[in-house]
PDB file of N, CA and C in Angstrom:
ATOM      1  N   UNK A   1     132.888  88.568  93.482  1.00  0.00           N
ATOM      2  CA  UNK A   1     132.775  89.574  93.187  1.00  0.00           C
ATOM      3  C   UNK A   1     132.256  90.533  91.912  1.00  0.00           C
ATOM      4  N   UNK A   2     130.709  91.310  92.262  1.00  0.00           N
ATOM      5  CA  UNK A   2     130.436  91.659  91.198  1.00  0.00           C
ATOM      6  C   UNK A   2     130.832  92.961  90.958  1.00  0.00           C
ATOM      7  N   UNK A   3     130.982  93.111  89.489  1.00  0.00           N
ATOM      8  CA  UNK A   3     131.180  94.750  89.694  1.00  0.00           C
ATOM      9  C   UNK A   3     130.377  95.920  89.837  1.00  0.00           C
ATOM     10  N   UNK A   4     130.555  96.703  90.687  1.00  0.00           N
ATOM     11  CA  UNK A   4     130.304  97.792  91.271  1.00  0.00           C
ATOM     12  C   UNK A   4     128.809  98.729  90.069  1.00  0.00           C
ATOM     13  N   UNK A   5     129.422  98.226  88.760  1.00  0.00           N
ATOM     14  CA  UNK A   5     128.780  99.507  87.829  1.00  0.00           C
ATOM     15  C   UNK A   5     128.031  98.591  87.173  1.00  0.00           C
ATOM     16  N   UNK A   6     127.833  97.315  87.995  1.00  0.00           N
ATOM     17  CA  UNK A   6     127.154  96.574  87.378  1.00  0.00           C
ATOM     18  C   UNK A   6     124.971  96.140  88.231  1.00  0.00           C
ATOM     19  N   UNK A   7     125.419  97.186  89.078  1.00  0.00           N
ATOM     20  CA  UNK A   7     124.569  96.948  90.186  1.00  0.00           C
ATOM     21  C   UNK A   7     123.272  98.216  89.963  1.00  0.00           C
ATOM     22  N   UNK A   8     123.834  98.665  90.153  1.00  0.00           N
ATOM     23  CA  UNK A   8     123.519 100.749  89.379  1.00  0.00           C
ATOM     24  C   UNK A   8     123.555 100.349  88.016  1.00  0.00           C
ATOM     25  N   UNK A   9     122.021 101.514  87.829  1.00  0.00           N
ATOM     26  CA  UNK A   9     121.501 102.191  86.707  1.00  0.00           C
ATOM     27  C   UNK A   9     121.487 103.622  86.931  1.00  0.00           C
ATOM     28  N   UNK A  10     122.422 104.351  85.309  1.00  0.00           N
ATOM     29  CA  UNK A  10     122.856 105.634  85.712  1.00  0.00           C
ATOM     30  C   UNK A  10     122.007 106.680  84.446  1.00  0.00           C
ATOM     31  N   UNK A  11     120.803 107.149  84.460  1.00  0.00           N
ATOM     32  CA  UNK A  11     120.700 108.231  83.652  1.00  0.00           C
ATOM     33  C   UNK A  11     120.993 109.728  83.261  1.00  0.00           C
ATOM     34  N   UNK A  12     122.158 109.212  82.451  1.00  0.00           N
ATOM     35  CA  UNK A  12     123.269 110.889  82.892  1.00  0.00           C
ATOM     36  C   UNK A  12     122.215 111.756  83.237  1.00  0.00           C
ATOM     37  N   UNK A  13     121.517 112.281  80.984  1.00  0.00           N
ATOM     38  CA  UNK A  13     120.879 112.669  81.016  1.00  0.00           C
ATOM     39  C   UNK A  13     119.559 113.885  82.621  1.00  0.00           C
ATOM     40  N   UNK A  14     119.334 113.066  82.836  1.00  0.00           N
ATOM     41  CA  UNK A  14     118.111 113.550  84.040  1.00  0.00           C
ATOM     42  C   UNK A  14     119.409 113.108  85.706  1.00  0.00           C
ATOM     43  N   UNK A  15     120.510 113.053  86.138  1.00  0.00           N
ATOM     44  CA  UNK A  15     121.550 112.717  86.951  1.00  0.00           C
ATOM     45  C   UNK A  15     121.170 111.403  88.054  1.00  0.00           C
ATOM     46  N   UNK A  16     120.017 110.240  87.713  1.00  0.00           N
ATOM     47  CA  UNK A  16     119.327 109.318  88.646  1.00  0.00           C
ATOM     48  C   UNK A  16     119.927 107.765  88.556  1.00  0.00           C
ATOM     49  N   UNK A  17     120.537 107.799  89.151  1.00  0.00           N
ATOM     50  CA  UNK A  17     121.751 106.403  89.901  1.00  0.00           C
ATOM     51  C   UNK A  17     120.418 105.932  90.775  1.00  0.00           C
ATOM     52  N   UNK A  18     119.879 104.747  89.658  1.00  0.00           N
ATOM     53  CA  UNK A  18     118.641 103.607  90.572  1.00  0.00           C
ATOM     54  C   UNK A  18     119.302 102.183  91.275  1.00  0.00           C
ATOM     55  N   UNK A  19     118.926 100.950  92.038  1.00  0.00           N
ATOM     56  CA  UNK A  19     119.986 100.430  92.106  1.00  0.00           C
ATOM     57  C   UNK A  19     118.196  98.834  91.173  1.00  0.00           C
ATOM     58  N   UNK A  20     120.015  97.604  90.793  1.00  0.00           N
ATOM     59  CA  UNK A  20     118.512  97.947  89.252  1.00  0.00           C
ATOM     60  C   UNK A  20     117.954  95.889  90.476  1.00  0.00           C
ATOM     61  N   UNK A  21     118.894  95.501  91.309  1.00  0.00           N
ATOM     62  CA  UNK A  21     117.888  94.576  92.588  1.00  0.00           C
ATOM     63  C   UNK A  21     117.856  95.115  93.609  1.00  0.00           C
ATOM     64  N   UNK A  22     117.083  94.282  94.553  1.00  0.00           N
ATOM     65  CA  UNK A  22     116.320  94.293  95.330  1.00  0.00           C
ATOM     66  C   UNK A  22     117.379  94.974  96.219  1.00  0.00           C
ATOM     67  N   UNK A  23     116.098  95.063  97.742  1.00  0.00           N
ATOM     68  CA  UNK A  23     117.337  95.244  98.636  1.00  0.00           C
ATOM     69  C   UNK A  23     116.736  94.475 100.082  1.00  0.00           C
ATOM     70  N   UNK A  24     117.124  94.229 100.208  1.00  0.00           N
ATOM     71  CA  UNK A  24     117.569  92.537 101.442  1.00  0.00           C
ATOM     72  C   UNK A  24     116.048  93.733 102.872  1.00  0.00           C
ATOM     73  N   UNK A  25     114.783  93.370 102.928  1.00  0.00           N
ATOM     74  CA  UNK A  25     113.574  93.805 103.797  1.00  0.00           C
ATOM     75  C   UNK A  25     114.092  93.901 105.635  1.00  0.00           C
ATOM     76  N   UNK A  26     114.977  93.288 105.639  1.00  0.00           N
ATOM     77  CA  UNK A  26     115.386  92.840 107.051  1.00  0.00           C
ATOM     78  C   UNK A  26     116.814  93.211 107.555  1.00  0.00           C
ATOM     79  N   UNK A  27     118.019  92.917 106.417  1.00  0.00           N
ATOM     80  CA  UNK A  27     119.335  93.717 106.996  1.00  0.00           C
ATOM     81  C   UNK A  27     119.801  95.396 106.337  1.00  0.00           C
ATOM     82  N   UNK A  28     118.972  95.089 105.135  1.00  0.00           N
ATOM     83  CA  UNK A  28     118.852  95.790 104.556  1.00  0.00           C
ATOM     84  C   UNK A  28     119.892  96.330 103.457  1.00  0.00           C
ATOM     85  N   UNK A  29     120.789  94.742 103.169  1.00  0.00           N
ATOM     86  CA  UNK A  29     122.492  94.739 102.314  1.00  0.00           C
ATOM     87  C   UNK A  29     121.543  94.646  99.887  1.00  0.00           C
ATOM     88  N   UNK A  30     121.796  94.526  99.835  1.00  0.00           N
ATOM     89  CA  UNK A  30     121.875  93.849  97.974  1.00  0.00           C
ATOM     90  C   UNK A  30     121.608  92.329  98.352  1.00  0.00           C
ATOM     91  N   UNK A  31     120.672  92.305  97.386  1.00  0.00           N
ATOM     92  CA  UNK A  31     120.234  90.762  97.778  1.00  0.00           C
ATOM     93  C   UNK A  31     120.714  90.520  96.404  1.00  0.00           C
ATOM     94  N   UNK A  32     121.452  88.874  95.888  1.00  0.00           N
ATOM     95  CA  UNK A  32     121.633  88.367  94.941  1.00  0.00           C
ATOM     96  C   UNK A  32     120.314  87.834  94.117  1.00  0.00           C
ATOM     97  N   UNK A  33     120.848  87.122  93.101  1.00  0.00           N
ATOM     98  CA  UNK A  33     119.205  87.684  92.361  1.00  0.00           C
ATOM     99  C   UNK A  33     119.671  86.440  91.467  1.00  0.00           C
ATOM    100  N   UNK A  34     118.671  84.721  91.798  1.00  0.00           N
ATOM    101  CA  UNK A  34     118.715  83.451  91.693  1.00  0.00           C
ATOM    102  C   UNK A  34     117.750  83.865  89.972  1.00  0.00           C
ATOM    103  N   UNK A  35     117.683  82.781  89.504  1.00  0.00           N
ATOM    104  CA  UNK A  35     116.506  82.256  88.429  1.00  0.00           C
ATOM    105  C   UNK A  35     114.693  82.167  88.833  1.00  0.00           C
ATOM    106  N   UNK A  36     115.195  81.492  90.500  1.00  0.00           N
ATOM    107  CA  UNK A  36     113.644  80.862  90.730  1.00  0.00           C
ATOM    108  C   UNK A  36     113.783  82.281  92.085  1.00  0.00           C
ATOM    109  N   UNK A  37     114.441  83.024  93.017  1.00  0.00           N
ATOM    110  CA  UNK A  37     114.614  83.617  94.315  1.00  0.00           C
ATOM    111  C   UNK A  37     115.654  84.612  93.608  1.00  0.00           C
ATOM    112  N   UNK A  38     115.475  85.544  95.512  1.00  0.00           N
ATOM    113  CA  UNK A  38     116.069  86.154  95.008  1.00  0.00           C
ATOM    114  C   UNK A  38     116.688  86.581  96.546  1.00  0.00           C
ATOM    115  N   UNK A  39     118.317  85.812  97.707  1.00  0.00           N
ATOM    116  CA  UNK A  39     119.280  85.994  98.410  1.00  0.00           C
ATOM    117  C   UNK A  39     119.470  86.891  99.088  1.00  0.00           C
ATOM    118  N   UNK A  40     119.686  87.051 100.035  1.00  0.00           N
ATOM    119  CA  UNK A  40     120.606  87.439 100.900  1.00  0.00           C
ATOM    120  C   UNK A  40     121.748  86.752 101.591  1.00  0.00           C
ATOM    121  N   UNK A  41     123.451  87.086 100.684  1.00  0.00           N
ATOM    122  CA  UNK A  41     124.082  86.635 101.537  1.00  0.00           C
ATOM    123  C   UNK A  41     124.570  87.122 103.242  1.00  0.00           C
ATOM    124  N   UNK A  42     123.939  87.906 103.687  1.00  0.00           N
ATOM    125  CA  UNK A  42     124.555  88.498 105.095  1.00  0.00           C
ATOM    126  C   UNK A  42     123.660  87.356 106.497  1.00  0.00           C
ATOM    127  N   UNK A  43     123.147  88.222 105.654  1.00  0.00           N
ATOM    128  CA  UNK A  43     121.281  87.512 106.363  1.00  0.00           C
ATOM    129  C   UNK A  43     120.435  85.892 106.311  1.00  0.00           C
ATOM    130  N   UNK A  44     120.972  85.235 105.399  1.00  0.00           N
ATOM    131  CA  UNK A  44     119.553  84.576 104.967  1.00  0.00           C
ATOM    132  C   UNK A  44     118.566  84.188 104.038  1.00  0.00           C
ATOM    133  N   UNK A  45     118.006  85.549 104.285  1.00  0.00           N
ATOM    134  CA  UNK A  45     117.146  86.222 103.981  1.00  0.00           C
ATOM    135  C   UNK A  45     116.383  85.327 103.068  1.00  0.00           C
ATOM    136  N   UNK A  46     115.133  84.799 101.954  1.00  0.00           N
ATOM    137  CA  UNK A  46     115.059  84.386 100.423  1.00  0.00           C
ATOM    138  C   UNK A  46     113.800  84.420 100.437  1.00  0.00           C
ATOM    139  N   UNK A  47     113.466  85.183  98.793  1.00  0.00           N
ATOM    140  CA  UNK A  47     112.362  85.505  98.657  1.00  0.00           C
ATOM    141  C   UNK A  47     112.161  85.097  96.923  1.00  0.00           C
ATOM    142  N   UNK A  48     111.178  83.884  97.252  1.00  0.00           N
ATOM    143  CA  UNK A  48     111.537  82.727  96.725  1.00  0.00           C
ATOM    144  C   UNK A  48     109.380  83.613  95.313  1.00  0.00           C
ATOM    145  N   UNK A  49     110.398  82.885  94.698  1.00  0.00           N
ATOM    146  CA  UNK A  49     109.176  83.468  92.979  1.00  0.00           C
ATOM    147  C   UNK A  49     108.332  82.488  92.858  1.00  0.00           C
ATOM    148  N   UNK A  50     107.301  83.092  91.970  1.00  0.00           N
ATOM    149  CA  UNK A  50     106.327  82.137  91.656  1.00  0.00           C
ATOM    150  C   UNK A  50     107.163  81.674  90.168  1.00  0.00           C
ATOM    151  N   UNK A  51     106.681  80.415  89.497  1.00  0.00           N
ATOM    152  CA  UNK A  51     106.502  79.978  88.816  1.00  0.00           C
ATOM    153  C   UNK A  51     105.712  79.922  88.015  1.00  0.00           C
ATOM    154  N   UNK A  52     106.007  80.061  86.711  1.00  0.00           N
ATOM    155  CA  UNK A  52     104.272  80.763  85.569  1.00  0.00           C
ATOM    156  C   UNK A  52     103.773  79.254  85.127  1.00  0.00           C
ATOM    157  N   UNK A  53     104.388  78.326  85.444  1.00  0.00           N
ATOM    158  CA  UNK A  53     104.167  77.155  84.560  1.00  0.00           C
ATOM    159  C   UNK A  53     103.897  75.881  86.260  1.00  0.00           C
ATOM    160  N   UNK A  54     103.640  76.598  87.525  1.00  0.00           N
ATOM    161  CA  UNK A  54     103.040  75.758  88.228  1.00  0.00           C
ATOM    162  C   UNK A  54     101.622  75.609  88.301  1.00  0.00           C
TER     163      UNK A  54
END
């Protein structure tokens, strides 16, 4: 289980809170960040990242 305080970035002087990870375009939940992809554990949507070595 991921701690909630690690998912958000806080800017106290301006009062802004931003999400560090991507949201799933299909279901709207927070996606898991892996080395070569972002994946949604709820609906299974996956976004593969392009590697620079290819």
